[in-house]
Amino acid sequence: MKRTIQLGLLCAFLLGVLSAGTVSARPLSAQDKEKIECAMFRMQVLGNFFNVELPDGQKSFTYPKVCGKRYEGKEVTPPDWFPEELKEMEKLKVVYIPTENATLSEATLWYRTISNVYAYLDRANNALDPRQPVVFAQLSRGYVKNRIQLVANLDRLNKELVRGKDVYNMKDSMQGRARAMLATLELMNREFYSTIESFTSADSEKEDKYRQSVMAVVTLANQLWSEFKGKPLPMNPPDPKIYNVTDQERLFNTLLLILGSVLMGFAVYLLFDIKHDEIMGAWDRYREKSTLWADDFNRQFLTIDVKYIVFGTIGVFALFGLMMAISTGGFGGVVLFLICLAIGAYVGIKMPKIVLDKLKKSRGVKINAQLMDALILLSNSLRSGMDIVQGFELVSHDMRPPIADEFGLVIKNYQLGTPFEKALEGMDERVDSRMLSYTIKAIIIQRQVGGNLTVIFARLVENIREESKLEEKLDAMTAQQKIQALVVGIMPVVMLGVMFMFRPDEMIAFYTTFVGLCVLLFCFVWIMIGMALIQKLGEVKV
């Protein structure tokens, strides 16, 4: 079906070719002509080798001058292995041709295929004759005919033949050389198509494309000749015994692994012994910092044990290092595991601060969204005769968390004896919100020097409303960068999942090796960097 579609496309190309007119410019040079004639000679000789009607005594040829001084005058004869192989190929009847009322052998198929390549080169060579005009339509029709014949012959050569209980594959002919030769012929098929396609190109590109396709076929013809004359490809896998490991080798490797692990552990012990005071001092400082982090989490109305964050991060890196160690094996695997463990320890120590900052920022965004309603409620309470403390109590009762929790905590601290200004400053430290900070400062100044808070709140509400409009406009303007950052992060994962769906065995086999795990880690790091950079480009500070 695929071949039929390709042939249909060829016909469509022919409709686009000019049916009249000649070309005075000839894109192939005299040097190209010599290369074409040398390739023609080799295809002619190769075709005669497969010609069973030609006696063996007449299958001796001499290189012409066009092939260069290196080959000029040298005699060419069939390889020693070929005569017997040709007899077997002639005995194998492959396909029946109704139009010819004949059954072709494998040797005849090879002869026709190589003759078709020779006909292509001969057509290109004749187009260089200055005594004959080059007619596009006639030349293109000839190339289409060459390609149709090549496609048909390749289809026949690639078929498997059932002979009783045995299946014969013509790719295994000529001691395995046929596999490489058929692959080269498939490449020629593509270049035949490129030759035909060149006739429908723009006038400025037509000659260059035509020359490239013709010279590509010349190169492939020489490659086909080399594959026939060279050594065959190995057809059988290597003997598994060569990969066997003796018990002595396995014991020696195990002893080396144990010795290396002991030395590595001893080196770590010496390091800790030498740096004992510094390490213990750093540990005490980190414990104090952990206590402060735990208090900060509590101030965000979250009860989180810092050690779970630290050891959870270390565990993830340790699991990844263990996978790399198992896939690598040996002492190198132990080193990789320790490296991943060290990286995990460093990241784990920093992780509580990162999580805390992220939670604080997220909580500040939520409070910002509720602040305008809270200010309106405070302003209305002041107009109704309440004081600011009663207004805070009203907000803590009537609104939802997180702003209700924050205002309620201010009231509780005030009721326990903390000055109201100090309680407000504590809320300012807990919440990452610029507008809330302005509100707190306005309240503190008003309580110190006096002023109309309802007017101040009205102005703050107006500022918050205008800032919200500006943020919405900025979000719309930077939406493309945000989507790009999302795509940069998601698309590699999606493509990896698709490849796992279609090729699970190959993907698992690759990504469980040391190289595969390194590639996965490398890609993950650079994806994160790419997402961060694109996200940074979309940030606008006002």
Protein backbone atom coordinates (compact mmCIF):
# COMPACT_ATOMS: atom_id res chain seq x y z
CA MET A 1 0.00 0.00 0.00
CA LYS A 2 2.85 2.35 0.90
CA ARG A 3 4.59 1.66 -2.40
CA THR A 4 1.30 2.31 -4.28
CA ILE A 5 0.94 5.72 -2.61
CA GLN A 6 4.51 6.60 -3.53
CA LEU A 7 3.91 5.65 -7.16
CA GLY A 8 0.75 7.78 -7.17
CA LEU A 9 2.78 10.74 -5.94
CA LEU A 10 5.20 10.21 -8.82
CA CYS A 11 2.38 10.58 -11.28
CA ALA A 12 1.34 13.81 -9.56
CA PHE A 13 4.88 15.12 -9.97
CA LEU A 14 4.80 14.34 -13.67
CA LEU A 15 1.70 16.50 -14.11
CA GLY A 16 3.65 19.44 -12.74
CA VAL A 17 6.60 19.02 -15.12
CA LEU A 18 6.75 21.16 -18.23
CA SER A 19 5.99 19.00 -21.24
CA ALA A 20 7.94 21.12 -23.71
CA GLY A 21 11.10 23.16 -23.91
CA THR A 22 14.79 22.37 -23.55
CA VAL A 23 17.49 23.29 -21.12
CA SER A 24 20.76 24.74 -22.27
CA ALA A 25 22.38 24.69 -18.81
CA ARG A 26 23.70 21.32 -17.72
CA PRO A 27 24.22 21.09 -13.95
CA LEU A 28 26.62 18.11 -14.08
CA SER A 29 30.25 18.93 -14.83
CA ALA A 30 32.87 16.95 -16.76
CA GLN A 31 34.26 15.62 -13.48
CA ASP A 32 30.77 14.47 -12.52
CA LYS A 33 30.53 12.73 -15.87
CA GLU A 34 33.65 10.68 -15.11
CA LYS A 35 32.23 9.65 -11.73
CA ILE A 36 28.97 8.62 -13.39
CA GLU A 37 30.77 6.56 -16.05
CA CYS A 38 32.90 4.81 -13.40
CA ALA A 39 29.76 3.95 -11.40
CA MET A 40 28.12 2.73 -14.62
CA PHE A 41 31.06 0.44 -15.27
CA ARG A 42 30.79 -1.07 -11.79
CA MET A 43 27.03 -1.59 -12.10
CA GLN A 44 27.54 -3.15 -15.52
CA VAL A 45 30.15 -5.53 -14.14
CA LEU A 46 28.01 -6.34 -11.10
CA GLY A 47 25.01 -7.00 -13.31
CA ASN A 48 27.05 -9.32 -15.53
CA PHE A 49 28.18 -11.23 -12.45
CA PHE A 50 24.50 -12.02 -11.76
CA ASN A 51 23.76 -12.81 -15.43
CA VAL A 52 23.44 -16.61 -15.44
CA GLU A 53 23.30 -16.67 -19.26
CA LEU A 54 26.81 -15.21 -19.46
CA PRO A 55 29.53 -17.93 -19.24
CA ASP A 56 31.98 -17.69 -16.36
CA GLY A 57 34.86 -17.26 -18.78
CA GLN A 58 33.37 -13.98 -20.02
CA LYS A 59 32.99 -12.47 -16.55
CA SER A 60 36.39 -10.83 -16.48
CA PHE A 61 36.60 -7.05 -16.99
CA THR A 62 39.21 -4.28 -16.88
CA TYR A 63 38.78 -0.94 -15.14
CA PRO A 64 38.53 2.02 -17.58
CA LYS A 65 40.49 5.25 -17.33
CA VAL A 66 37.54 7.19 -15.89
CA CYS A 67 37.87 5.34 -12.55
CA GLY A 68 41.24 6.99 -11.91
CA LYS A 69 44.86 5.90 -11.90
CA ARG A 70 44.34 3.78 -8.80
CA TYR A 71 42.08 1.34 -10.65
CA GLU A 72 42.97 1.93 -14.31
CA GLY A 73 43.89 -1.32 -16.06
CA LYS A 74 43.11 -3.58 -13.07
CA GLU A 75 41.22 -6.78 -13.78
CA VAL A 76 37.86 -7.43 -12.12
CA THR A 77 36.54 -10.96 -11.64
CA PRO A 78 33.79 -12.46 -9.46
CA PRO A 79 34.85 -13.30 -5.88
CA ASP A 80 35.77 -16.91 -5.18
CA TRP A 81 32.63 -17.51 -3.11
CA PHE A 82 30.22 -16.13 -5.72
CA PRO A 83 29.96 -18.86 -8.46
CA GLU A 84 28.59 -21.47 -6.07
CA GLU A 85 26.31 -18.89 -4.45
CA LEU A 86 24.99 -17.87 -7.87
CA LYS A 87 24.04 -21.45 -8.69
CA GLU A 88 21.97 -21.68 -5.49
CA MET A 89 20.33 -18.34 -6.20
CA GLU A 90 19.41 -19.48 -9.73
CA LYS A 91 17.78 -22.64 -8.38
CA LEU A 92 15.50 -20.57 -6.09
CA LYS A 93 12.45 -19.52 -8.09
CA VAL A 94 11.02 -16.42 -6.46
CA VAL A 95 8.13 -14.82 -8.33
CA TYR A 96 5.89 -15.49 -11.30
CA ILE A 97 5.42 -12.59 -13.76
CA PRO A 98 2.11 -13.04 -15.67
CA THR A 99 2.96 -10.42 -18.30
CA GLU A 100 6.15 -12.30 -19.19
CA ASN A 101 4.71 -15.76 -18.49
CA ALA A 102 7.94 -16.57 -16.64
CA THR A 103 9.08 -17.43 -13.15
CA LEU A 104 12.08 -15.39 -12.08
CA SER A 105 14.89 -16.70 -9.90
CA GLU A 106 16.60 -14.75 -7.14
CA ALA A 107 19.67 -14.30 -9.36
CA THR A 108 17.50 -12.81 -12.12
CA LEU A 109 15.88 -10.41 -9.64
CA TRP A 110 19.29 -9.15 -8.56
CA TYR A 111 20.35 -8.83 -12.19
CA ARG A 112 17.27 -6.74 -13.03
CA THR A 113 17.64 -4.55 -9.96
CA ILE A 114 21.27 -3.72 -10.69
CA SER A 115 20.47 -3.22 -14.37
CA ASN A 116 17.84 -0.70 -13.31
CA VAL A 117 20.48 1.27 -11.39
CA TYR A 118 22.70 1.12 -14.48
CA ALA A 119 19.83 2.44 -16.62
CA TYR A 120 19.37 5.40 -14.25
CA LEU A 121 23.08 6.29 -14.44
CA ASP A 122 23.07 5.86 -18.21
CA ARG A 123 20.14 8.27 -18.47
CA ALA A 124 21.96 10.86 -16.37
CA ASN A 125 25.11 10.39 -18.46
CA ASN A 126 23.25 10.81 -21.76
CA ALA A 127 21.75 14.06 -20.47
CA LEU A 128 25.31 15.46 -20.52
CA ASP A 129 25.71 14.94 -24.26
CA PRO A 130 25.90 18.47 -25.75
CA ARG A 131 24.66 17.13 -29.09
CA GLN A 132 21.30 16.23 -27.62
CA PRO A 133 18.88 18.73 -26.07
CA VAL A 134 17.58 17.97 -22.58
CA VAL A 135 13.78 17.73 -22.57
CA PHE A 136 12.40 17.87 -19.06
CA ALA A 137 9.25 15.85 -19.71
CA GLN A 138 11.07 13.05 -21.51
CA LEU A 139 13.87 12.92 -18.92
CA SER A 140 11.46 12.88 -15.96
CA ARG A 141 9.31 10.14 -17.49
CA GLY A 142 12.42 8.00 -17.89
CA TYR A 143 13.38 8.47 -14.24
CA VAL A 144 9.84 7.63 -13.12
CA LYS A 145 10.05 4.39 -15.10
CA ASN A 146 13.40 3.57 -13.45
CA ARG A 147 11.97 4.11 -9.99
CA ILE A 148 8.82 2.06 -10.61
CA GLN A 149 10.94 -0.87 -11.74
CA LEU A 150 13.30 -0.48 -8.76
CA VAL A 151 10.38 -0.39 -6.29
CA ALA A 152 8.89 -3.55 -7.78
CA ASN A 153 12.18 -5.44 -7.65
CA LEU A 154 12.92 -4.33 -4.08
CA ASP A 155 9.48 -5.51 -2.94
CA ARG A 156 10.20 -8.94 -4.40
CA LEU A 157 13.68 -9.17 -2.89
CA ASN A 158 12.41 -8.21 0.59
CA LYS A 159 9.76 -10.95 0.71
CA GLU A 160 10.16 -14.07 2.80
CA LEU A 161 9.58 -17.37 0.98
CA VAL A 162 7.97 -20.38 2.62
CA ARG A 163 9.48 -23.67 1.49
CA GLY A 164 7.70 -26.45 3.37
CA LYS A 165 8.46 -25.92 7.04
CA ASP A 166 11.34 -23.57 6.34
CA VAL A 167 11.20 -19.83 5.73
CA TYR A 168 13.80 -18.47 3.34
CA ASN A 169 14.79 -14.82 3.53
CA MET A 170 16.59 -13.39 0.51
CA LYS A 171 18.23 -10.82 2.79
CA ASP A 172 20.51 -13.64 3.95
CA SER A 173 21.86 -14.27 0.44
CA MET A 174 25.51 -13.90 -0.49
CA GLN A 175 26.63 -14.87 3.02
CA GLY A 176 24.70 -11.97 4.53
CA ARG A 177 25.90 -9.29 2.11
CA ALA A 178 22.37 -8.93 0.72
CA ARG A 179 21.20 -7.16 3.89
CA ALA A 180 23.63 -4.29 3.45
CA MET A 181 23.06 -4.19 -0.32
CA LEU A 182 19.27 -4.03 0.06
CA ALA A 183 19.63 -1.20 2.58
CA THR A 184 21.75 0.71 0.06
CA LEU A 185 19.20 0.07 -2.68
CA GLU A 186 16.46 1.46 -0.42
CA LEU A 187 18.50 4.66 -0.11
CA MET A 188 18.84 4.72 -3.88
CA ASN A 189 15.07 4.46 -4.12
CA ARG A 190 14.76 7.68 -2.10
CA GLU A 191 17.29 9.44 -4.31
CA PHE A 192 15.39 8.30 -7.42
CA TYR A 193 12.39 10.04 -5.90
CA SER A 194 14.48 13.16 -5.17
CA THR A 195 15.59 13.23 -8.81
CA ILE A 196 12.00 13.26 -10.01
CA GLU A 197 11.06 15.86 -7.40
CA SER A 198 13.84 18.17 -8.58
CA PHE A 199 12.04 18.78 -11.88
CA THR A 200 9.15 20.48 -10.07
CA SER A 201 11.41 22.75 -7.99
CA ALA A 202 11.90 26.44 -8.58
CA ASP A 203 14.16 27.34 -11.52
CA SER A 204 16.83 28.68 -9.15
CA GLU A 205 16.98 25.35 -7.27
CA LYS A 206 16.19 22.85 -10.01
CA GLU A 207 19.69 22.22 -11.35
CA ASP A 208 21.32 22.06 -7.90
CA LYS A 209 18.77 19.53 -6.60
CA TYR A 210 19.07 17.45 -9.77
CA ARG A 211 22.85 17.29 -9.44
CA GLN A 212 22.72 16.40 -5.73
CA SER A 213 20.32 13.51 -6.30
CA VAL A 214 22.27 12.10 -9.27
CA MET A 215 25.61 12.28 -7.47
CA ALA A 216 24.03 10.69 -4.41
CA VAL A 217 23.01 7.72 -6.56
CA VAL A 218 26.59 7.55 -7.90
CA THR A 219 27.95 7.43 -4.34
CA LEU A 220 25.44 4.74 -3.36
CA ALA A 221 26.29 2.70 -6.47
CA ASN A 222 29.95 2.69 -5.43
CA GLN A 223 28.84 1.70 -1.92
CA LEU A 224 26.81 -1.16 -3.38
CA TRP A 225 29.90 -2.36 -5.23
CA SER A 226 32.00 -2.20 -2.05
CA GLU A 227 29.41 -4.17 -0.08
CA PHE A 228 29.38 -6.90 -2.72
CA LYS A 229 33.18 -7.13 -2.85
CA GLY A 230 33.79 -6.70 0.89
CA LYS A 231 33.39 -8.97 3.88
CA PRO A 232 29.88 -10.06 4.88
CA LEU A 233 28.13 -8.73 7.94
CA PRO A 234 27.93 -11.14 10.91
CA MET A 235 24.57 -12.94 10.74
CA ASN A 236 24.63 -14.69 14.13
CA PRO A 237 24.91 -13.17 17.61
CA PRO A 238 28.18 -13.71 19.50
CA ASP A 239 28.58 -16.76 21.66
CA PRO A 240 27.12 -16.03 25.14
CA LYS A 241 30.01 -17.94 26.68
CA ILE A 242 32.33 -15.01 26.07
CA TYR A 243 30.32 -13.05 28.67
CA ASN A 244 30.55 -15.75 31.34
CA VAL A 245 32.32 -14.81 34.57
CA THR A 246 34.22 -17.43 36.50
CA ASP A 247 33.78 -17.95 40.24
CA GLN A 248 37.31 -16.70 40.84
CA GLU A 249 36.61 -13.46 38.95
CA ARG A 250 33.32 -12.99 40.81
CA LEU A 251 35.03 -13.55 44.18
CA PHE A 252 37.83 -11.15 43.28
CA ASN A 253 35.32 -8.44 42.26
CA THR A 254 33.37 -8.95 45.50
CA LEU A 255 36.51 -8.61 47.58
CA LEU A 256 37.46 -5.41 45.75
CA LEU A 257 33.96 -4.04 46.37
CA ILE A 258 34.14 -4.82 50.07
CA LEU A 259 37.65 -3.38 50.38
CA GLY A 260 36.65 -0.19 48.56
CA SER A 261 33.55 0.22 50.73
CA VAL A 262 35.62 -0.26 53.91
CA LEU A 263 38.20 2.29 52.76
CA MET A 264 35.46 4.75 51.86
CA GLY A 265 33.84 4.30 55.28
CA PHE A 266 37.19 4.71 57.03
CA ALA A 267 37.84 7.92 55.10
CA VAL A 268 34.45 9.29 56.18
CA TYR A 269 35.20 8.32 59.80
CA LEU A 270 38.56 10.15 59.69
CA LEU A 271 36.87 13.22 58.25
CA PHE A 272 34.30 13.26 61.04
CA ASP A 273 37.01 12.69 63.65
CA ILE A 274 39.16 15.56 62.41
CA LYS A 275 36.23 17.96 62.02
CA HIS A 276 34.35 16.73 65.12
CA ASP A 277 34.08 20.09 66.89
CA GLU A 278 33.09 21.97 63.75
CA ILE A 279 30.52 19.34 62.80
CA MET A 280 28.96 19.27 66.26
CA GLY A 281 28.85 23.07 66.36
CA ALA A 282 27.13 23.16 62.99
CA TRP A 283 24.70 20.49 64.18
CA ASP A 284 23.78 22.52 67.29
CA ARG A 285 23.25 25.64 65.19
CA TYR A 286 21.05 23.71 62.79
CA ARG A 287 18.98 22.31 65.68
CA GLU A 288 18.38 25.86 66.91
CA LYS A 289 17.42 26.89 63.40
CA SER A 290 15.06 23.92 63.16
CA THR A 291 13.34 25.09 66.33
CA LEU A 292 12.90 28.54 64.80
CA TRP A 293 11.54 27.00 61.61
CA ALA A 294 9.06 24.93 63.63
CA ASP A 295 7.88 28.15 65.35
CA ASP A 296 7.56 29.85 61.96
CA PHE A 297 5.41 26.98 60.68
CA ASN A 298 3.22 27.29 63.75
CA ARG A 299 2.88 31.02 63.10
CA GLN A 300 1.58 30.10 59.64
CA PHE A 301 -1.08 28.01 61.43
CA LEU A 302 0.61 24.80 60.26
CA THR A 303 1.93 22.01 62.44
CA ILE A 304 4.81 20.45 60.49
CA ASP A 305 7.72 18.49 61.89
CA VAL A 306 10.84 19.83 60.20
CA LYS A 307 12.61 16.48 60.36
CA TYR A 308 10.04 14.94 58.01
CA ILE A 309 10.91 17.52 55.36
CA VAL A 310 14.65 17.03 55.83
CA PHE A 311 14.72 13.25 55.96
CA GLY A 312 12.04 12.93 53.26
CA THR A 313 14.22 14.91 50.85
CA ILE A 314 17.28 12.86 51.80
CA GLY A 315 15.26 9.67 51.26
CA VAL A 316 14.24 10.69 47.73
CA PHE A 317 17.86 11.37 46.76
CA ALA A 318 19.00 8.18 48.47
CA LEU A 319 16.43 6.15 46.49
CA PHE A 320 17.62 7.70 43.24
CA GLY A 321 21.24 7.06 44.22
CA LEU A 322 20.39 3.45 45.04
CA MET A 323 18.87 2.98 41.58
CA MET A 324 22.01 4.42 39.97
CA ALA A 325 24.22 2.26 42.19
CA ILE A 326 22.35 -0.92 41.27
CA SER A 327 22.45 -0.12 37.55
CA THR A 328 26.17 0.76 37.67
CA GLY A 329 27.33 -1.93 40.07
CA GLY A 330 30.72 -2.36 41.66
CA PHE A 331 32.64 0.26 43.58
CA GLY A 332 31.50 2.96 41.17
CA GLY A 333 27.91 2.29 42.23
CA VAL A 334 28.86 2.80 45.89
CA VAL A 335 30.52 6.13 45.05
CA LEU A 336 27.46 7.29 43.10
CA PHE A 337 25.19 6.35 45.99
CA LEU A 338 27.31 8.35 48.45
CA ILE A 339 27.39 11.35 46.09
CA CYS A 340 23.60 11.31 45.73
CA LEU A 341 23.27 10.93 49.49
CA ALA A 342 25.53 13.96 50.07
CA ILE A 343 23.55 16.06 47.59
CA GLY A 344 20.33 14.94 49.25
CA ALA A 345 21.65 15.96 52.67
CA TYR A 346 22.58 19.44 51.40
CA VAL A 347 19.22 19.96 49.69
CA GLY A 348 17.36 18.50 52.69
CA ILE A 349 19.00 21.03 55.05
CA LYS A 350 17.86 23.88 52.78
CA MET A 351 14.40 22.46 52.09
CA PRO A 352 12.56 23.68 55.27
CA LYS A 353 13.47 27.29 54.47
CA ILE A 354 12.30 26.85 50.88
CA VAL A 355 9.01 25.27 51.95
CA LEU A 356 8.43 27.96 54.57
CA ASP A 357 9.01 30.81 52.13
CA LYS A 358 6.68 29.17 49.62
CA LEU A 359 3.92 28.71 52.21
CA LYS A 360 4.34 32.25 53.48
CA LYS A 361 4.08 33.69 50.00
CA SER A 362 1.04 31.57 49.17
CA ARG A 363 -0.68 32.64 52.42
CA GLY A 364 0.10 36.29 51.67
CA VAL A 365 -1.58 36.00 48.26
CA LYS A 366 -4.73 34.58 49.87
CA ILE A 367 -4.82 37.35 52.50
CA ASN A 368 -4.34 39.98 49.79
CA ALA A 369 -7.47 38.68 48.06
CA GLN A 370 -9.48 39.12 51.31
CA LEU A 371 -7.94 42.39 52.50
CA MET A 372 -10.24 44.76 50.59
CA ASP A 373 -13.36 43.18 52.12
CA ALA A 374 -11.73 43.28 55.56
CA LEU A 375 -10.93 47.02 55.20
CA ILE A 376 -14.49 47.76 54.11
CA LEU A 377 -15.78 45.90 57.15
CA LEU A 378 -13.35 47.79 59.42
CA SER A 379 -14.40 51.13 57.93
CA ASN A 380 -18.09 50.36 58.41
CA SER A 381 -17.49 49.27 62.01
CA LEU A 382 -15.68 52.56 62.74
CA ARG A 383 -18.51 54.55 61.19
CA SER A 384 -20.99 52.71 63.41
CA GLY A 385 -19.14 53.83 66.56
CA MET A 386 -16.89 50.85 67.26
CA ASP A 387 -13.19 51.22 67.94
CA ILE A 388 -10.44 49.53 65.93
CA VAL A 389 -10.13 46.58 68.35
CA GLN A 390 -13.84 45.82 68.04
CA GLY A 391 -13.48 46.11 64.27
CA PHE A 392 -10.74 43.48 64.33
CA GLU A 393 -12.99 41.20 66.39
CA LEU A 394 -15.76 41.69 63.82
CA VAL A 395 -13.41 40.71 60.97
CA SER A 396 -12.20 37.61 62.84
CA HIS A 397 -15.80 36.46 63.36
CA ASP A 398 -17.41 37.37 60.02
CA MET A 399 -14.68 36.51 57.52
CA ARG A 400 -13.04 33.23 56.54
CA PRO A 401 -9.46 32.05 57.10
CA PRO A 402 -6.68 32.88 56.61
CA ILE A 403 -7.39 36.55 57.30
CA ALA A 404 -9.87 35.66 60.07
CA ASP A 405 -7.16 33.61 61.80
CA GLU A 406 -4.64 36.45 61.60
CA PHE A 407 -7.03 39.11 62.90
CA GLY A 408 -8.24 36.71 65.61
CA LEU A 409 -4.63 36.07 66.73
CA VAL A 410 -4.08 39.83 67.04
CA ILE A 411 -7.12 40.08 69.29
CA LYS A 412 -6.00 37.12 71.44
CA ASN A 413 -2.52 38.63 71.90
CA TYR A 414 -4.11 41.97 72.83
CA GLN A 415 -6.41 40.31 75.35
CA LEU A 416 -3.41 38.51 76.90
CA GLY A 417 -1.69 41.84 77.59
CA THR A 418 0.29 42.51 74.45
CA PRO A 419 0.04 46.14 73.30
CA PHE A 420 -2.16 46.43 70.24
CA GLU A 421 0.66 47.96 68.19
CA LYS A 422 2.97 45.06 69.05
CA ALA A 423 0.28 42.56 68.10
CA LEU A 424 -0.10 44.31 64.74
CA GLU A 425 3.67 44.22 64.17
CA GLY A 426 3.61 40.48 64.86
CA MET A 427 0.98 40.01 62.16
CA ASP A 428 3.13 42.09 59.79
CA GLU A 429 6.05 39.70 60.38
CA ARG A 430 3.92 36.60 59.86
CA VAL A 431 2.20 37.67 56.63
CA ASP A 432 3.99 38.42 53.35
CA SER A 433 1.60 41.12 52.10
CA ARG A 434 2.61 44.63 51.08
CA MET A 435 -0.90 46.11 51.31
CA LEU A 436 -1.49 44.59 54.74
CA SER A 437 1.81 46.11 55.86
CA TYR A 438 0.59 49.54 54.66
CA THR A 439 -2.67 49.04 56.57
CA ILE A 440 -0.87 48.10 59.79
CA LYS A 441 1.46 51.10 59.55
CA ALA A 442 -1.50 53.41 58.94
CA ILE A 443 -3.28 52.07 62.04
CA ILE A 444 -0.17 52.41 64.21
CA ILE A 445 0.48 56.01 63.04
CA GLN A 446 -3.19 56.93 63.60
CA ARG A 447 -3.10 55.60 67.15
CA GLN A 448 0.07 57.63 67.83
CA VAL A 449 -0.74 60.98 66.18
CA GLY A 450 -4.46 60.72 65.47
CA GLY A 451 -6.39 60.91 62.22
CA ASN A 452 -9.49 59.67 60.43
CA LEU A 453 -9.08 55.91 59.86
CA THR A 454 -12.23 55.62 57.74
CA VAL A 455 -10.72 57.97 55.13
CA ILE A 456 -7.42 56.07 55.25
CA PHE A 457 -9.23 52.76 54.81
CA ALA A 458 -11.23 54.17 51.90
CA ARG A 459 -8.02 55.24 50.18
CA LEU A 460 -6.42 51.85 50.86
CA VAL A 461 -9.45 50.08 49.39
CA GLU A 462 -9.18 52.26 46.29
CA ASN A 463 -5.45 51.51 46.00
CA ILE A 464 -6.07 47.78 46.41
CA ARG A 465 -8.78 47.89 43.75
CA GLU A 466 -6.50 49.71 41.30
CA GLU A 467 -3.60 47.37 42.09
CA SER A 468 -5.84 44.36 41.47
CA LYS A 469 -6.76 45.73 38.04
CA LEU A 470 -3.09 46.31 37.28
CA GLU A 471 -2.17 42.78 38.41
CA GLU A 472 -4.93 41.30 36.22
CA LYS A 473 -3.60 43.27 33.26
CA LEU A 474 -0.05 42.10 33.95
CA ASP A 475 -1.26 38.51 34.28
CA ALA A 476 -2.88 38.78 30.86
CA MET A 477 0.29 40.26 29.36
CA THR A 478 2.56 37.61 30.88
CA ALA A 479 0.23 34.65 30.27
CA GLN A 480 2.29 33.54 27.27
CA GLN A 481 5.49 33.26 29.31
CA LYS A 482 3.67 31.30 32.01
CA ILE A 483 2.22 28.90 29.47
CA GLN A 484 5.62 28.49 27.85
CA ALA A 485 7.15 27.64 31.22
CA LEU A 486 4.38 25.11 31.79
CA VAL A 487 4.88 23.58 28.36
CA VAL A 488 8.66 23.40 28.86
CA GLY A 489 8.07 21.42 32.03
CA ILE A 490 5.20 19.19 30.89
CA MET A 491 6.03 18.33 27.27
CA PRO A 492 9.23 16.33 28.00
CA VAL A 493 7.31 14.30 30.58
CA VAL A 494 4.46 13.74 28.12
CA MET A 495 6.86 12.67 25.35
CA LEU A 496 8.65 10.36 27.78
CA GLY A 497 5.30 8.81 28.69
CA VAL A 498 4.37 8.36 25.02
CA MET A 499 7.69 6.65 24.31
CA PHE A 500 7.14 4.38 27.32
CA MET A 501 3.72 3.48 25.91
CA PHE A 502 5.01 2.55 22.46
CA ARG A 503 8.45 1.15 23.38
CA PRO A 504 8.28 0.11 27.04
CA ASP A 505 10.98 -2.58 26.85
CA GLU A 506 13.56 -0.33 25.19
CA MET A 507 12.78 2.62 27.46
CA ILE A 508 12.99 0.55 30.66
CA ALA A 509 16.20 -1.09 29.45
CA PHE A 510 17.77 2.33 28.78
CA TYR A 511 16.56 4.30 31.80
CA THR A 512 17.62 1.60 34.25
CA THR A 513 21.24 1.90 33.13
CA PHE A 514 23.78 4.36 34.51
CA VAL A 515 23.78 6.42 31.31
CA GLY A 516 19.98 6.50 31.20
CA LEU A 517 19.71 7.67 34.81
CA CYS A 518 22.35 10.35 34.18
CA VAL A 519 20.43 11.53 31.11
CA LEU A 520 17.22 11.61 33.15
CA LEU A 521 18.86 13.65 35.91
CA PHE A 522 20.53 15.98 33.41
CA CYS A 523 17.23 16.62 31.59
CA PHE A 524 15.37 17.19 34.86
CA VAL A 525 17.90 19.80 36.02
CA TRP A 526 17.85 21.69 32.72
CA ILE A 527 14.05 21.55 32.49
CA MET A 528 13.87 23.16 35.92
CA ILE A 529 16.39 25.81 34.85
CA GLY A 530 14.42 26.47 31.66
CA MET A 531 11.14 26.81 33.55
CA ALA A 532 12.73 29.19 36.05
CA LEU A 533 14.24 31.38 33.33
CA ILE A 534 11.02 31.62 31.33
CA GLN A 535 9.05 32.33 34.52
CA LYS A 536 11.55 35.04 35.44
CA LEU A 537 11.15 36.69 32.05
CA GLY A 538 7.42 36.95 32.70
CA GLU A 539 7.76 38.67 36.08
CA VAL A 540 7.00 42.40 36.24
CA LYS A 541 7.74 44.34 39.41
CA VAL A 542 5.61 47.41 40.10
